[in-house]
Amino acid sequence: MTTLKARLKDELTESIRSRDELRSSTLRLTLSAITNEEVSGKTARELTDDEVVKVIAKEAKKRREAAEAFEQGGRAESAAREKAEGELLAEYLPKQLSDDELGAIVAAAVAEAKAAGAEGPRAMGAIMKIVNPKVAGLAEGGRVAAEVKKRLAG
């Protein structure tokens, strides 16, 4: 079984051959972010696929934030490029939970936290501790927190 990093390298080579500039530059930047992560500690190491997914998720988030910043700055062309890169990176990430799926997980966690005696705003931390492991990599933290706040308010 090939690793995710090996797949990225293979697809980079393929995109260079087919002169797909967007894909090759995006994959090149992502692979360099992975390499940076591998050599960032005291000793260099090979990242696991789960760690590679975290790096890709971080890179995709950077693209989304950059796209928003460019849109607010009136730079539609740059925003479109960042969005395209973000969508390309999303192909390598686990499918994100739908709003309904996330809502159901959060609702169950709210009930579980209330049963354990957590009430009101203080319950937020307890609920996040229950929800985060269940949605790791499947929903962005901001989305999760917003859903928890909505459920606590309602």
Protein backbone atom coordinates (compact mmCIF):
# COMPACT_ATOMS: atom_id res chain seq x y z
CA MET A 1 0.00 0.00 0.00
CA THR A 2 1.42 3.36 -0.94
CA THR A 3 1.52 6.16 1.57
CA LEU A 4 -0.36 9.40 1.06
CA LYS A 5 2.95 11.24 0.73
CA ALA A 6 4.05 8.83 -2.05
CA ARG A 7 0.71 9.37 -3.80
CA LEU A 8 1.23 13.14 -3.64
CA LYS A 9 4.72 12.76 -5.13
CA ASP A 10 3.43 10.50 -7.93
CA GLU A 11 0.64 12.93 -8.75
CA LEU A 12 3.09 15.84 -8.69
CA THR A 13 5.24 14.06 -11.29
CA GLU A 14 2.14 13.32 -13.38
CA SER A 15 0.90 16.94 -13.16
CA ILE A 16 4.33 18.25 -14.24
CA ARG A 17 4.28 15.88 -17.24
CA SER A 18 0.78 17.00 -18.22
CA ARG A 19 1.73 20.66 -17.66
CA ASP A 20 -1.02 21.16 -15.06
CA GLU A 21 0.48 24.26 -13.46
CA LEU A 22 -2.16 24.70 -10.73
CA ARG A 23 -1.95 21.09 -9.54
CA SER A 24 1.86 20.90 -9.74
CA SER A 25 2.45 24.14 -7.82
CA THR A 26 -0.16 23.24 -5.18
CA LEU A 27 1.29 19.75 -4.68
CA ARG A 28 4.83 21.13 -4.62
CA LEU A 29 3.91 23.59 -1.83
CA THR A 30 2.05 20.89 0.09
CA LEU A 31 4.95 18.43 -0.16
CA SER A 32 7.35 21.11 1.07
CA ALA A 33 5.00 21.77 4.04
CA ILE A 34 5.09 18.03 4.79
CA THR A 35 8.90 18.00 4.58
CA ASN A 36 9.09 21.05 6.87
CA GLU A 37 6.92 19.21 9.39
CA GLU A 38 9.14 16.11 9.13
CA VAL A 39 12.32 18.05 9.94
CA SER A 40 10.80 20.46 12.47
CA GLY A 41 11.52 18.43 15.62
CA LYS A 42 14.80 17.48 17.20
CA THR A 43 15.13 14.52 14.85
CA ALA A 44 13.87 14.15 11.29
CA ARG A 45 11.15 11.55 10.86
CA GLU A 46 8.67 10.24 8.32
CA LEU A 47 5.10 11.45 8.92
CA THR A 48 2.26 8.93 9.17
CA ASP A 49 -0.66 9.25 6.77
CA ASP A 50 -2.76 10.77 9.58
CA GLU A 51 -0.09 13.42 10.18
CA VAL A 52 0.12 14.10 6.43
CA VAL A 53 -3.67 14.58 6.36
CA LYS A 54 -3.31 17.16 9.18
CA VAL A 55 -0.68 19.05 7.16
CA ILE A 56 -2.92 18.97 4.07
CA ALA A 57 -5.88 20.19 6.15
CA LYS A 58 -3.75 23.06 7.49
CA GLU A 59 -2.68 23.97 3.94
CA ALA A 60 -6.31 23.83 2.72
CA LYS A 61 -7.37 26.11 5.60
CA LYS A 62 -4.63 28.60 4.65
CA ARG A 63 -6.00 28.63 1.09
CA ARG A 64 -9.57 29.28 2.30
CA GLU A 65 -8.43 32.12 4.57
CA ALA A 66 -6.28 33.62 1.79
CA ALA A 67 -9.21 33.41 -0.65
CA GLU A 68 -11.43 35.30 1.83
CA ALA A 69 -8.73 37.94 2.34
CA PHE A 70 -8.27 38.39 -1.42
CA GLU A 71 -12.04 38.66 -1.93
CA GLN A 72 -12.29 41.35 0.74
CA GLY A 73 -9.37 43.13 -0.91
CA GLY A 74 -11.13 43.05 -4.27
CA ARG A 75 -8.61 40.68 -5.87
CA ALA A 76 -10.99 38.19 -7.48
CA GLU A 77 -8.32 36.51 -9.64
CA SER A 78 -6.08 35.73 -6.66
CA ALA A 79 -9.12 34.61 -4.63
CA ALA A 80 -10.18 32.24 -7.42
CA ARG A 81 -6.69 30.72 -7.56
CA GLU A 82 -6.60 30.15 -3.77
CA LYS A 83 -10.09 28.58 -3.90
CA ALA A 84 -9.01 26.27 -6.73
CA GLU A 85 -5.93 25.21 -4.73
CA GLY A 86 -8.12 24.59 -1.66
CA GLU A 87 -10.52 22.43 -3.68
CA LEU A 88 -7.61 20.49 -5.14
CA LEU A 89 -6.25 19.79 -1.63
CA ALA A 90 -9.73 18.72 -0.46
CA GLU A 91 -9.41 15.72 -2.81
CA TYR A 92 -6.77 14.32 -0.44
CA LEU A 93 -8.79 14.87 2.74
CA PRO A 94 -11.51 12.69 4.25
CA LYS A 95 -15.01 13.73 3.19
CA GLN A 96 -16.32 16.45 5.51
CA LEU A 97 -19.42 15.82 7.62
CA SER A 98 -22.65 17.40 6.40
CA ASP A 99 -24.37 19.95 8.67
CA ASP A 100 -26.99 17.33 9.59
CA GLU A 101 -24.37 14.70 10.50
CA LEU A 102 -22.42 17.22 12.57
CA GLY A 103 -25.64 18.40 14.26
CA ALA A 104 -26.54 14.84 15.26
CA ILE A 105 -23.08 14.19 16.77
CA VAL A 106 -23.18 17.49 18.69
CA ALA A 107 -26.75 16.87 19.91
CA ALA A 108 -25.70 13.48 21.29
CA ALA A 109 -22.66 15.06 22.98
CA VAL A 110 -24.81 17.83 24.53
CA ALA A 111 -27.14 15.17 25.98
CA GLU A 112 -24.14 13.18 27.25
CA ALA A 113 -22.59 16.27 28.88
CA LYS A 114 -25.89 17.28 30.51
CA ALA A 115 -26.27 13.75 31.86
CA ALA A 116 -22.80 14.14 33.38
CA GLY A 117 -23.91 17.39 35.04
CA ALA A 118 -22.39 19.98 32.68
CA GLU A 119 -24.75 22.93 32.24
CA GLY A 120 -24.68 26.37 30.62
CA PRO A 121 -21.63 28.02 29.07
CA ARG A 122 -19.24 25.89 31.13
CA ALA A 123 -20.59 22.85 29.30
CA MET A 124 -18.92 24.05 26.09
CA GLY A 125 -15.52 22.61 27.02
CA ALA A 126 -17.01 19.31 28.17
CA ILE A 127 -18.99 18.97 24.95
CA MET A 128 -16.00 19.85 22.75
CA LYS A 129 -13.98 17.10 24.53
CA ILE A 130 -16.69 14.59 23.60
CA VAL A 131 -17.19 15.83 20.02
CA ASN A 132 -13.61 16.50 18.86
CA PRO A 133 -12.36 12.88 18.79
CA LYS A 134 -15.51 11.84 16.88
CA VAL A 135 -15.16 14.50 14.19
CA ALA A 136 -11.36 14.80 13.95
CA GLY A 137 -10.49 15.55 10.34
CA LEU A 138 -14.15 15.41 9.30
CA ALA A 139 -15.22 18.90 10.37
CA GLU A 140 -13.33 22.12 10.97
CA GLY A 141 -13.03 23.31 14.58
CA GLY A 142 -14.86 26.58 13.88
CA ARG A 143 -17.84 24.71 12.42
CA VAL A 144 -17.94 22.37 15.40
CA ALA A 145 -17.75 25.22 17.94
CA ALA A 146 -20.51 27.15 16.16
CA GLU A 147 -22.77 24.10 16.19
CA VAL A 148 -22.10 23.46 19.91
CA LYS A 149 -22.89 27.12 20.75
CA LYS A 150 -26.09 26.90 18.70
CA ARG A 151 -27.18 23.74 20.54
CA LEU A 152 -26.34 25.22 23.96
CA ALA A 153 -28.28 28.41 23.20
CA GLY A 154 -31.26 26.47 21.90
